Amino acid sequence: MMFWYGDGMSGWGYVLMIVGMVGFWALVIFAIVALIRALGSGSGSEPAVPPSPTARDVLAMRFARGEIDEHEYRRSLEALQGNAPSRPNPPPS
């Protein structure tokens, strides 16, 4: 004999119980997955990829390694900045 439900739980009672149980376990699984992701990722973001060197960086590295001299470095730097010196016309042959 059930004291508060009369003859027993109706169909809606069973539906609410099933929905409540599915919702509870979905919440528990979501919390576990979120906790694992938070602990596993460390900082929470992907590692930053270093930017590729610009043309000026490559030119400076070549100058630092001694591959080009100061004159070539300055000429190339001016060309990169858009202030390329005008070249004299070659002599007629």
N, C-alpha and C. Protein backbone atom coordinates (compact mmCIF):
# COMPACT_ATOMS: atom_id res chain seq x y z
N MET A 1 0.84 -1.16 0.00
CA MET A 1 0.00 0.00 0.00
C MET A 1 0.89 1.24 0.00
N MET A 2 0.61 2.19 -0.91
CA MET A 2 1.36 3.42 -0.98
C MET A 2 0.50 4.52 -0.37
N PHE A 3 1.08 5.23 0.59
CA PHE A 3 0.27 6.17 1.34
C PHE A 3 0.00 7.47 0.59
N TRP A 4 0.98 8.03 -0.14
CA TRP A 4 0.77 9.35 -0.72
C TRP A 4 0.38 9.31 -2.21
N TYR A 5 0.45 8.21 -2.83
CA TYR A 5 0.14 8.15 -4.26
C TYR A 5 -1.17 7.44 -4.56
N GLY A 6 -1.91 7.13 -3.59
CA GLY A 6 -3.17 6.43 -3.83
C GLY A 6 -2.89 5.01 -4.29
N ASP A 7 -3.28 4.69 -5.51
CA ASP A 7 -3.11 3.34 -6.03
C ASP A 7 -1.72 3.09 -6.59
N GLY A 8 -0.86 4.09 -6.67
CA GLY A 8 0.48 3.93 -7.24
C GLY A 8 0.80 5.09 -8.15
N MET A 9 1.95 5.04 -8.74
CA MET A 9 2.40 6.11 -9.61
C MET A 9 1.76 5.95 -10.98
N SER A 10 1.31 7.07 -11.53
CA SER A 10 0.69 7.01 -12.85
C SER A 10 1.77 7.00 -13.94
N GLY A 11 1.36 6.98 -15.19
CA GLY A 11 2.30 6.97 -16.30
C GLY A 11 3.16 8.22 -16.34
N TRP A 12 2.61 9.38 -15.99
CA TRP A 12 3.39 10.62 -15.99
C TRP A 12 4.46 10.59 -14.91
N GLY A 13 4.21 9.93 -13.84
CA GLY A 13 5.21 9.80 -12.77
C GLY A 13 6.42 9.02 -13.25
N TYR A 14 6.18 7.97 -14.00
CA TYR A 14 7.28 7.17 -14.55
C TYR A 14 8.06 7.96 -15.60
N VAL A 15 7.35 8.73 -16.42
CA VAL A 15 8.01 9.54 -17.45
C VAL A 15 8.90 10.58 -16.78
N LEU A 16 8.38 11.27 -15.77
CA LEU A 16 9.19 12.27 -15.07
C LEU A 16 10.40 11.63 -14.38
N MET A 17 10.22 10.44 -13.85
CA MET A 17 11.32 9.76 -13.20
C MET A 17 12.41 9.39 -14.22
N ILE A 18 12.03 8.93 -15.39
CA ILE A 18 12.99 8.57 -16.43
C ILE A 18 13.71 9.81 -16.94
N VAL A 19 12.95 10.87 -17.21
CA VAL A 19 13.56 12.11 -17.70
C VAL A 19 14.52 12.68 -16.65
N GLY A 20 14.13 12.66 -15.41
CA GLY A 20 14.99 13.16 -14.33
C GLY A 20 16.28 12.35 -14.21
N MET A 21 16.18 11.04 -14.34
CA MET A 21 17.35 10.18 -14.22
C MET A 21 18.29 10.39 -15.40
N VAL A 22 17.76 10.48 -16.62
CA VAL A 22 18.59 10.73 -17.80
C VAL A 22 19.27 12.09 -17.68
N GLY A 23 18.52 13.09 -17.23
CA GLY A 23 19.10 14.42 -17.05
C GLY A 23 20.19 14.43 -15.99
N PHE A 24 19.99 13.72 -14.90
CA PHE A 24 21.00 13.64 -13.84
C PHE A 24 22.28 13.01 -14.36
N TRP A 25 22.18 11.88 -15.05
CA TRP A 25 23.38 11.21 -15.54
C TRP A 25 24.06 12.00 -16.67
N ALA A 26 23.28 12.70 -17.48
CA ALA A 26 23.88 13.56 -18.50
C ALA A 26 24.68 14.68 -17.84
N LEU A 27 24.15 15.25 -16.77
CA LEU A 27 24.85 16.30 -16.04
C LEU A 27 26.13 15.77 -15.40
N VAL A 28 26.08 14.59 -14.83
CA VAL A 28 27.28 13.98 -14.21
C VAL A 28 28.35 13.72 -15.27
N ILE A 29 27.97 13.17 -16.42
CA ILE A 29 28.93 12.88 -17.49
C ILE A 29 29.51 14.17 -18.05
N PHE A 30 28.67 15.19 -18.24
CA PHE A 30 29.16 16.49 -18.73
C PHE A 30 30.17 17.09 -17.75
N ALA A 31 29.91 17.00 -16.46
CA ALA A 31 30.82 17.54 -15.46
C ALA A 31 32.16 16.80 -15.47
N ILE A 32 32.13 15.50 -15.64
CA ILE A 32 33.37 14.71 -15.68
C ILE A 32 34.18 15.07 -16.92
N VAL A 33 33.53 15.17 -18.07
CA VAL A 33 34.22 15.51 -19.32
C VAL A 33 34.82 16.92 -19.22
N ALA A 34 34.06 17.87 -18.68
CA ALA A 34 34.57 19.24 -18.53
C ALA A 34 35.76 19.28 -17.58
N LEU A 35 35.72 18.50 -16.52
CA LEU A 35 36.83 18.46 -15.57
C LEU A 35 38.08 17.85 -16.20
N ILE A 36 37.92 16.79 -16.98
CA ILE A 36 39.06 16.16 -17.65
C ILE A 36 39.66 17.12 -18.67
N ARG A 37 38.83 17.81 -19.42
CA ARG A 37 39.35 18.77 -20.40
C ARG A 37 40.08 19.92 -19.72
N ALA A 38 39.56 20.41 -18.62
CA ALA A 38 40.18 21.54 -17.93
C ALA A 38 41.52 21.12 -17.33
N LEU A 39 41.61 19.93 -16.80
CA LEU A 39 42.87 19.48 -16.20
C LEU A 39 43.88 19.06 -17.26
N GLY A 40 43.42 18.57 -18.39
CA GLY A 40 44.31 18.08 -19.43
C GLY A 40 44.90 19.15 -20.31
N SER A 41 44.21 20.27 -20.46
CA SER A 41 44.68 21.27 -21.41
C SER A 41 45.72 22.20 -20.81
N GLY A 42 45.87 22.27 -19.52
CA GLY A 42 46.87 23.15 -18.91
C GLY A 42 46.42 24.59 -18.95
N SER A 43 46.91 25.37 -19.93
CA SER A 43 46.58 26.79 -19.99
C SER A 43 45.22 27.03 -20.61
N GLY A 44 44.66 26.05 -21.27
CA GLY A 44 43.35 26.23 -21.86
C GLY A 44 43.38 26.72 -23.30
N SER A 45 44.55 27.01 -23.82
CA SER A 45 44.64 27.46 -25.20
C SER A 45 45.74 26.67 -25.90
N GLU A 46 45.65 26.68 -27.21
CA GLU A 46 46.66 25.96 -27.99
C GLU A 46 47.97 26.72 -27.96
N PRO A 47 49.09 26.01 -28.06
CA PRO A 47 50.37 26.71 -28.05
C PRO A 47 50.49 27.65 -29.25
N ALA A 48 51.08 28.80 -28.99
CA ALA A 48 51.23 29.80 -30.05
C ALA A 48 52.31 29.37 -31.04
N VAL A 49 52.02 29.53 -32.30
CA VAL A 49 52.98 29.21 -33.35
C VAL A 49 53.80 30.47 -33.61
N PRO A 50 55.12 30.36 -33.57
CA PRO A 50 55.92 31.56 -33.82
C PRO A 50 55.69 32.06 -35.24
N PRO A 51 55.61 33.38 -35.41
CA PRO A 51 55.36 33.90 -36.75
C PRO A 51 56.56 33.66 -37.66
N SER A 52 56.29 33.52 -38.94
CA SER A 52 57.38 33.32 -39.88
C SER A 52 58.15 34.63 -40.02
N PRO A 53 59.46 34.55 -40.25
CA PRO A 53 60.26 35.77 -40.33
C PRO A 53 59.88 36.62 -41.54
N THR A 54 59.93 37.92 -41.36
CA THR A 54 59.64 38.83 -42.46
C THR A 54 60.88 38.96 -43.33
N ALA A 55 60.72 39.66 -44.46
CA ALA A 55 61.85 39.85 -45.37
C ALA A 55 62.96 40.64 -44.68
N ARG A 56 62.58 41.60 -43.85
CA ARG A 56 63.60 42.37 -43.12
C ARG A 56 64.34 41.49 -42.13
N ASP A 57 63.63 40.57 -41.48
CA ASP A 57 64.28 39.66 -40.53
C ASP A 57 65.29 38.76 -41.25
N VAL A 58 64.89 38.24 -42.41
CA VAL A 58 65.79 37.37 -43.18
C VAL A 58 67.02 38.16 -43.62
N LEU A 59 66.80 39.39 -44.06
CA LEU A 59 67.92 40.23 -44.49
C LEU A 59 68.86 40.51 -43.33
N ALA A 60 68.29 40.83 -42.16
CA ALA A 60 69.13 41.08 -40.98
C ALA A 60 69.90 39.83 -40.56
N MET A 61 69.28 38.66 -40.66
CA MET A 61 69.98 37.43 -40.31
C MET A 61 71.12 37.14 -41.29
N ARG A 62 70.88 37.38 -42.56
CA ARG A 62 71.95 37.17 -43.56
C ARG A 62 73.12 38.12 -43.30
N PHE A 63 72.82 39.37 -42.94
CA PHE A 63 73.87 40.34 -42.63
C PHE A 63 74.62 39.93 -41.37
N ALA A 64 73.90 39.45 -40.38
CA ALA A 64 74.53 39.03 -39.13
C ALA A 64 75.42 37.80 -39.33
N ARG A 65 75.05 36.91 -40.23
CA ARG A 65 75.87 35.73 -40.51
C ARG A 65 77.05 36.04 -41.42
N GLY A 66 77.05 37.23 -42.01
CA GLY A 66 78.15 37.60 -42.88
C GLY A 66 77.97 37.17 -44.32
N GLU A 67 76.76 36.78 -44.69
CA GLU A 67 76.51 36.35 -46.07
C GLU A 67 76.52 37.54 -47.03
N ILE A 68 76.14 38.71 -46.54
CA ILE A 68 76.14 39.91 -47.37
C ILE A 68 76.89 41.01 -46.63
N ASP A 69 77.45 41.96 -47.39
CA ASP A 69 78.18 43.05 -46.76
C ASP A 69 77.22 44.21 -46.44
N GLU A 70 77.75 45.25 -45.82
CA GLU A 70 76.92 46.37 -45.38
C GLU A 70 76.27 47.08 -46.57
N HIS A 71 77.02 47.23 -47.65
CA HIS A 71 76.48 47.91 -48.84
C HIS A 71 75.27 47.14 -49.39
N GLU A 72 75.41 45.84 -49.52
CA GLU A 72 74.31 45.01 -50.02
C GLU A 72 73.13 45.04 -49.06
N TYR A 73 73.41 45.04 -47.75
CA TYR A 73 72.35 45.09 -46.74
C TYR A 73 71.54 46.38 -46.87
N ARG A 74 72.24 47.51 -46.93
CA ARG A 74 71.55 48.81 -47.01
C ARG A 74 70.77 48.93 -48.33
N ARG A 75 71.37 48.47 -49.41
CA ARG A 75 70.69 48.53 -50.71
C ARG A 75 69.42 47.68 -50.69
N SER A 76 69.52 46.49 -50.14
CA SER A 76 68.35 45.60 -50.07
C SER A 76 67.30 46.15 -49.11
N LEU A 77 67.74 46.76 -48.03
CA LEU A 77 66.80 47.34 -47.07
C LEU A 77 66.04 48.50 -47.70
N GLU A 78 66.72 49.33 -48.46
CA GLU A 78 66.05 50.43 -49.15
C GLU A 78 65.06 49.89 -50.19
N ALA A 79 65.44 48.83 -50.86
CA ALA A 79 64.53 48.23 -51.85
C ALA A 79 63.28 47.68 -51.16
N LEU A 80 63.44 47.11 -49.97
CA LEU A 80 62.28 46.60 -49.24
C LEU A 80 61.36 47.72 -48.78
N GLN A 81 61.95 48.85 -48.45
CA GLN A 81 61.16 49.99 -47.98
C GLN A 81 60.52 50.74 -49.13
N GLY A 82 60.88 50.41 -50.34
CA GLY A 82 60.30 51.07 -51.50
C GLY A 82 61.08 52.28 -51.94
N ASN A 83 62.24 52.52 -51.35
CA ASN A 83 63.08 53.65 -51.71
C ASN A 83 64.30 53.16 -52.48
N ALA A 84 64.08 52.33 -53.45
CA ALA A 84 65.20 51.76 -54.19
C ALA A 84 65.94 52.87 -54.92
N PRO A 85 67.26 52.90 -54.78
CA PRO A 85 68.02 53.94 -55.50
C PRO A 85 67.95 53.69 -56.99
N SER A 86 67.90 54.78 -57.71
CA SER A 86 67.85 54.62 -59.18
C SER A 86 69.20 54.14 -59.67
N ARG A 87 69.15 53.18 -60.53
CA ARG A 87 70.39 52.62 -61.06
C ARG A 87 70.80 53.41 -62.31
N PRO A 88 72.07 53.68 -62.46
CA PRO A 88 72.49 54.39 -63.66
C PRO A 88 72.29 53.52 -64.90
N ASN A 89 71.99 54.16 -66.00
CA ASN A 89 71.82 53.43 -67.24
C ASN A 89 73.15 52.84 -67.65
N PRO A 90 73.16 51.62 -68.16
CA PRO A 90 74.43 51.04 -68.59
C PRO A 90 74.95 51.80 -69.83
N PRO A 91 76.25 51.83 -69.97
CA PRO A 91 76.80 52.52 -71.13
C PRO A 91 76.40 51.82 -72.41
N PRO A 92 76.17 52.59 -73.48
CA PRO A 92 75.79 51.95 -74.73
C PRO A 92 76.92 51.09 -75.27
N SER A 93 76.60 49.99 -75.84
CA SER A 93 77.64 49.11 -76.36
C SER A 93 77.81 49.22 -77.85
